[in-house]
């Protein structure tokens, strides 16, 4: 059994979604012969796409919720139905002991993902960290520093939306 964690951008363009889904499916299929567990915070974007593709190939989903208030304060109304569906489908849900969804909670979630996995799948455009902490580039850097292998998924044609986003990126 291989355990894969995911990190990735939330602000993917609509046209990127099928490209990234296909790329994730290709990565996941490499591990289905022995069984695969996936760790995800199921945030919008890459985390959700990974979780959906993992379940589609028969994988076991473990959800890491960064804080006690994450669902109430961070998950927007447009993402809530998907978030709730994936929570229901999860084999296990781990809520970290942070009261609020903040930099500390996101950094702790990244560490939980990294320490619980054999490999990290990063849906990442390669841009450096923003300095806000807890983002995709931060997770990749932490995984590499910990000696974890990282599979970067960023297919040709993938892009991010312009402008700020309310959740971590």
C-alpha atoms as a PDB file:
ATOM      1  CA  UNK A   1       0.000   0.000   0.000  1.00  0.00           C
ATOM      2  CA  UNK A   2       1.347   3.391  -1.015  1.00  0.00           C
ATOM      3  CA  UNK A   3       0.226   6.583   0.705  1.00  0.00           C
ATOM      4  CA  UNK A   4       0.215   9.733  -1.397  1.00  0.00           C
ATOM      5  CA  UNK A   5      -0.424  13.205  -0.036  1.00  0.00           C
ATOM      6  CA  UNK A   6      -1.545  16.082  -2.217  1.00  0.00           C
ATOM      7  CA  UNK A   7      -0.865  19.766  -2.246  1.00  0.00           C
ATOM      8  CA  UNK A   8      -1.833  22.133  -4.993  1.00  0.00           C
ATOM      9  CA  UNK A   9      -3.294  25.355  -6.208  1.00  0.00           C
ATOM     10  CA  UNK A  10      -6.923  26.169  -5.584  1.00  0.00           C
ATOM     11  CA  UNK A  11      -7.220  28.894  -8.197  1.00  0.00           C
ATOM     12  CA  UNK A  12      -7.097  26.699 -11.302  1.00  0.00           C
ATOM     13  CA  UNK A  13      -8.726  27.926 -14.485  1.00  0.00           C
ATOM     14  CA  UNK A  14     -11.740  26.027 -15.738  1.00  0.00           C
ATOM     15  CA  UNK A  15      -9.786  24.868 -18.790  1.00  0.00           C
ATOM     16  CA  UNK A  16      -7.061  23.425 -16.554  1.00  0.00           C
ATOM     17  CA  UNK A  17      -9.369  21.085 -14.675  1.00  0.00           C
ATOM     18  CA  UNK A  18      -9.630  18.286 -17.300  1.00  0.00           C
ATOM     19  CA  UNK A  19      -5.877  18.478 -17.985  1.00  0.00           C
ATOM     20  CA  UNK A  20      -5.016  18.174 -14.312  1.00  0.00           C
ATOM     21  CA  UNK A  21      -7.620  15.426 -13.747  1.00  0.00           C
ATOM     22  CA  UNK A  22      -6.031  13.355 -16.515  1.00  0.00           C
ATOM     23  CA  UNK A  23      -2.532  13.932 -15.171  1.00  0.00           C
ATOM     24  CA  UNK A  24      -3.588  13.000 -11.630  1.00  0.00           C
ATOM     25  CA  UNK A  25      -5.320   9.873 -12.900  1.00  0.00           C
ATOM     26  CA  UNK A  26      -2.067   8.877 -14.596  1.00  0.00           C
ATOM     27  CA  UNK A  27      -0.084   9.346 -11.377  1.00  0.00           C
ATOM     28  CA  UNK A  28      -2.636   7.478  -9.256  1.00  0.00           C
ATOM     29  CA  UNK A  29      -2.851   4.524 -11.644  1.00  0.00           C
ATOM     30  CA  UNK A  30       0.852   3.859 -11.036  1.00  0.00           C
ATOM     31  CA  UNK A  31      -0.007   2.891  -7.450  1.00  0.00           C
ATOM     32  CA  UNK A  32      -3.337   1.056  -7.730  1.00  0.00           C
ATOM     33  CA  UNK A  33      -1.776  -2.414  -8.110  1.00  0.00           C
ATOM     34  CA  UNK A  34      -0.780  -2.480  -4.403  1.00  0.00           C
ATOM     35  CA  UNK A  35      -3.593  -0.259  -3.201  1.00  0.00           C
ATOM     36  CA  UNK A  36      -3.328   3.451  -2.640  1.00  0.00           C
ATOM     37  CA  UNK A  37      -4.294   5.770   0.181  1.00  0.00           C
ATOM     38  CA  UNK A  38      -4.523   9.479  -0.437  1.00  0.00           C
ATOM     39  CA  UNK A  39      -4.206  12.261   2.121  1.00  0.00           C
ATOM     40  CA  UNK A  40      -5.971  15.509   1.221  1.00  0.00           C
ATOM     41  CA  UNK A  41      -7.313  18.647   2.894  1.00  0.00           C
ATOM     42  CA  UNK A  42     -10.017  18.630   0.157  1.00  0.00           C
ATOM     43  CA  UNK A  43      -9.739  22.362  -0.413  1.00  0.00           C
ATOM     44  CA  UNK A  44     -11.167  23.579  -3.715  1.00  0.00           C
ATOM     45  CA  UNK A  45      -8.984  23.004  -6.757  1.00  0.00           C
ATOM     46  CA  UNK A  46      -6.148  20.487  -6.752  1.00  0.00           C
ATOM     47  CA  UNK A  47      -6.956  18.865  -3.398  1.00  0.00           C
ATOM     48  CA  UNK A  48     -10.511  18.129  -4.501  1.00  0.00           C
ATOM     49  CA  UNK A  49      -9.502  16.902  -7.966  1.00  0.00           C
ATOM     50  CA  UNK A  50      -6.971  14.539  -6.382  1.00  0.00           C
ATOM     51  CA  UNK A  51      -9.548  13.188  -3.901  1.00  0.00           C
ATOM     52  CA  UNK A  52     -12.132  12.616  -6.638  1.00  0.00           C
ATOM     53  CA  UNK A  53      -9.646  10.845  -8.907  1.00  0.00           C
ATOM     54  CA  UNK A  54      -8.345   8.778  -5.982  1.00  0.00           C
ATOM     55  CA  UNK A  55     -11.846   7.549  -5.197  1.00  0.00           C
ATOM     56  CA  UNK A  56     -12.483   6.871  -8.898  1.00  0.00           C
ATOM     57  CA  UNK A  57      -9.525   4.450  -9.021  1.00  0.00           C
ATOM     58  CA  UNK A  58     -10.666   2.704  -5.820  1.00  0.00           C
ATOM     59  CA  UNK A  59      -8.256   4.414  -3.452  1.00  0.00           C
ATOM     60  CA  UNK A  60      -8.759   5.082   0.242  1.00  0.00           C
ATOM     61  CA  UNK A  61      -9.243   8.756   1.147  1.00  0.00           C
ATOM     62  CA  UNK A  62      -8.008  10.261   4.410  1.00  0.00           C
ATOM     63  CA  UNK A  63      -9.049  13.879   4.916  1.00  0.00           C
ATOM     64  CA  UNK A  64      -6.896  16.244   6.976  1.00  0.00           C
ATOM     65  CA  UNK A  65      -8.969  19.211   8.186  1.00  0.00           C
ATOM     66  CA  UNK A  66      -6.611  22.063   9.173  1.00  0.00           C
ATOM     67  CA  UNK A  67      -8.742  23.538  11.971  1.00  0.00           C
ATOM     68  CA  UNK A  68     -11.958  23.114  13.889  1.00  0.00           C
ATOM     69  CA  UNK A  69     -13.543  26.119  12.159  1.00  0.00           C
ATOM     70  CA  UNK A  70     -12.326  25.254   8.646  1.00  0.00           C
ATOM     71  CA  UNK A  71     -15.679  24.081   7.255  1.00  0.00           C
ATOM     72  CA  UNK A  72     -17.593  27.008   8.758  1.00  0.00           C
ATOM     73  CA  UNK A  73     -15.163  29.844   8.006  1.00  0.00           C
ATOM     74  CA  UNK A  74     -13.138  28.825   4.957  1.00  0.00           C
ATOM     75  CA  UNK A  75     -15.166  26.476   2.778  1.00  0.00           C
ATOM     76  CA  UNK A  76     -17.291  28.730   0.595  1.00  0.00           C
ATOM     77  CA  UNK A  77     -20.930  27.989  -0.227  1.00  0.00           C
ATOM     78  CA  UNK A  78     -20.008  27.023  -3.802  1.00  0.00           C
ATOM     79  CA  UNK A  79     -17.502  24.400  -2.583  1.00  0.00           C
ATOM     80  CA  UNK A  80     -19.442  23.158   0.468  1.00  0.00           C
ATOM     81  CA  UNK A  81     -21.448  20.418  -1.327  1.00  0.00           C
ATOM     82  CA  UNK A  82     -18.281  18.901  -2.821  1.00  0.00           C
ATOM     83  CA  UNK A  83     -16.411  19.234   0.483  1.00  0.00           C
ATOM     84  CA  UNK A  84     -19.238  17.505   2.358  1.00  0.00           C
ATOM     85  CA  UNK A  85     -19.524  14.735  -0.244  1.00  0.00           C
ATOM     86  CA  UNK A  86     -15.797  14.009   0.015  1.00  0.00           C
ATOM     87  CA  UNK A  87     -15.935  14.053   3.834  1.00  0.00           C
ATOM     88  CA  UNK A  88     -18.693  11.439   3.640  1.00  0.00           C
ATOM     89  CA  UNK A  89     -16.656   9.310   1.221  1.00  0.00           C
ATOM     90  CA  UNK A  90     -13.499   9.459   3.345  1.00  0.00           C
ATOM     91  CA  UNK A  91     -12.333   6.339   5.140  1.00  0.00           C
ATOM     92  CA  UNK A  92     -10.948   8.584   7.872  1.00  0.00           C
ATOM     93  CA  UNK A  93     -11.181  12.270   8.823  1.00  0.00           C
ATOM     94  CA  UNK A  94      -8.484  13.869  10.993  1.00  0.00           C
ATOM     95  CA  UNK A  95      -9.251  17.342  12.340  1.00  0.00           C
ATOM     96  CA  UNK A  96      -6.129  19.086  13.595  1.00  0.00           C
ATOM     97  CA  UNK A  97      -6.291  20.734  17.043  1.00  0.00           C
ATOM     98  CA  UNK A  98      -6.271  24.326  15.773  1.00  0.00           C
ATOM     99  CA  UNK A  99      -9.265  26.496  16.590  1.00  0.00           C
ATOM    100  CA  UNK A 100      -8.914  28.799  13.569  1.00  0.00           C
ATOM    101  CA  UNK A 101      -7.856  28.351   9.959  1.00  0.00           C
ATOM    102  CA  UNK A 102      -4.707  30.446   9.857  1.00  0.00           C
ATOM    103  CA  UNK A 103      -1.074  30.178   8.818  1.00  0.00           C
ATOM    104  CA  UNK A 104      -0.254  27.881  11.753  1.00  0.00           C
ATOM    105  CA  UNK A 105      -3.149  25.566  10.894  1.00  0.00           C
ATOM    106  CA  UNK A 106      -2.147  25.362   7.220  1.00  0.00           C
ATOM    107  CA  UNK A 107       1.491  24.734   8.063  1.00  0.00           C
ATOM    108  CA  UNK A 108       0.432  22.004  10.513  1.00  0.00           C
ATOM    109  CA  UNK A 109      -1.775  20.473   7.817  1.00  0.00           C
ATOM    110  CA  UNK A 110       1.168  20.446   5.405  1.00  0.00           C
ATOM    111  CA  UNK A 111       3.308  18.692   8.025  1.00  0.00           C
ATOM    112  CA  UNK A 112       0.557  16.126   8.677  1.00  0.00           C
ATOM    113  CA  UNK A 113       0.361  15.427   4.951  1.00  0.00           C
ATOM    114  CA  UNK A 114       4.142  15.118   4.589  1.00  0.00           C
ATOM    115  CA  UNK A 115       4.693  12.963   7.671  1.00  0.00           C
ATOM    116  CA  UNK A 116       1.827  10.648   6.783  1.00  0.00           C
ATOM    117  CA  UNK A 117       2.832   9.964   3.184  1.00  0.00           C
ATOM    118  CA  UNK A 118       5.298   7.957   1.139  1.00  0.00           C
ATOM    119  CA  UNK A 119       5.221  10.580  -1.646  1.00  0.00           C
ATOM    120  CA  UNK A 120       3.798  14.047  -2.254  1.00  0.00           C
ATOM    121  CA  UNK A 121       1.800  14.852  -5.391  1.00  0.00           C
ATOM    122  CA  UNK A 122       2.056  18.586  -6.058  1.00  0.00           C
ATOM    123  CA  UNK A 123      -0.257  20.296  -8.530  1.00  0.00           C
ATOM    124  CA  UNK A 124       2.152  23.191  -8.738  1.00  0.00           C
ATOM    125  CA  UNK A 125       3.128  25.765 -11.321  1.00  0.00           C
ATOM    126  CA  UNK A 126       6.660  25.995  -9.921  1.00  0.00           C
ATOM    127  CA  UNK A 127       6.339  29.528  -8.559  1.00  0.00           C
ATOM    128  CA  UNK A 128       8.225  30.237  -5.302  1.00  0.00           C
ATOM    129  CA  UNK A 129       6.453  30.656  -1.945  1.00  0.00           C
ATOM    130  CA  UNK A 130       4.402  33.815  -1.438  1.00  0.00           C
ATOM    131  CA  UNK A 131       5.604  34.330   2.112  1.00  0.00           C
ATOM    132  CA  UNK A 132       2.125  33.756   3.565  1.00  0.00           C
ATOM    133  CA  UNK A 133       2.999  30.219   4.660  1.00  0.00           C
ATOM    134  CA  UNK A 134       1.026  27.025   4.224  1.00  0.00           C
ATOM    135  CA  UNK A 135       0.800  27.227   0.432  1.00  0.00           C
ATOM    136  CA  UNK A 136       1.747  24.808  -2.307  1.00  0.00           C
ATOM    137  CA  UNK A 137       5.352  25.943  -2.738  1.00  0.00           C
ATOM    138  CA  UNK A 138       5.828  25.808   1.043  1.00  0.00           C
ATOM    139  CA  UNK A 139       4.550  22.230   1.144  1.00  0.00           C
ATOM    140  CA  UNK A 140       6.851  21.196  -1.707  1.00  0.00           C
ATOM    141  CA  UNK A 141       9.859  22.782   0.022  1.00  0.00           C
ATOM    142  CA  UNK A 142       8.989  21.101   3.341  1.00  0.00           C
ATOM    143  CA  UNK A 143       8.521  17.714   1.657  1.00  0.00           C
ATOM    144  CA  UNK A 144      11.840  17.954  -0.144  1.00  0.00           C
ATOM    145  CA  UNK A 145      13.577  19.074   3.067  1.00  0.00           C
ATOM    146  CA  UNK A 146      12.120  15.999   4.789  1.00  0.00           C
ATOM    147  CA  UNK A 147      13.457  13.740   2.018  1.00  0.00           C
ATOM    148  CA  UNK A 148      10.016  12.946   0.602  1.00  0.00           C
ATOM    149  CA  UNK A 149       9.793  12.332  -3.137  1.00  0.00           C
ATOM    150  CA  UNK A 150       7.600  14.862  -4.928  1.00  0.00           C
ATOM    151  CA  UNK A 151       5.665  14.215  -8.139  1.00  0.00           C
ATOM    152  CA  UNK A 152       4.961  17.609  -9.721  1.00  0.00           C
ATOM    153  CA  UNK A 153       1.814  17.689 -11.835  1.00  0.00           C
ATOM    154  CA  UNK A 154       1.498  20.723 -14.100  1.00  0.00           C
ATOM    155  CA  UNK A 155       0.468  19.637 -17.606  1.00  0.00           C
ATOM    156  CA  UNK A 156       0.931  21.827 -20.658  1.00  0.00           C
ATOM    157  CA  UNK A 157      -1.971  24.241 -20.851  1.00  0.00           C
ATOM    158  CA  UNK A 158      -2.603  24.356 -17.092  1.00  0.00           C
ATOM    159  CA  UNK A 159      -3.039  27.849 -15.646  1.00  0.00           C
ATOM    160  CA  UNK A 160      -4.132  29.694 -12.544  1.00  0.00           C
ATOM    161  CA  UNK A 161      -6.795  32.381 -12.325  1.00  0.00           C
ATOM    162  CA  UNK A 162      -5.682  35.945 -11.770  1.00  0.00           C
ATOM    163  CA  UNK A 163      -6.395  37.762  -8.552  1.00  0.00           C
ATOM    164  CA  UNK A 164      -6.508  36.916  -4.854  1.00  0.00           C
ATOM    165  CA  UNK A 165      -8.260  33.871  -3.496  1.00  0.00           C
ATOM    166  CA  UNK A 166      -9.885  33.542  -0.068  1.00  0.00           C
ATOM    167  CA  UNK A 167      -8.322  30.188   0.797  1.00  0.00           C
ATOM    168  CA  UNK A 168      -4.655  29.196   0.773  1.00  0.00           C
ATOM    169  CA  UNK A 169      -3.115  28.573  -2.642  1.00  0.00           C
END
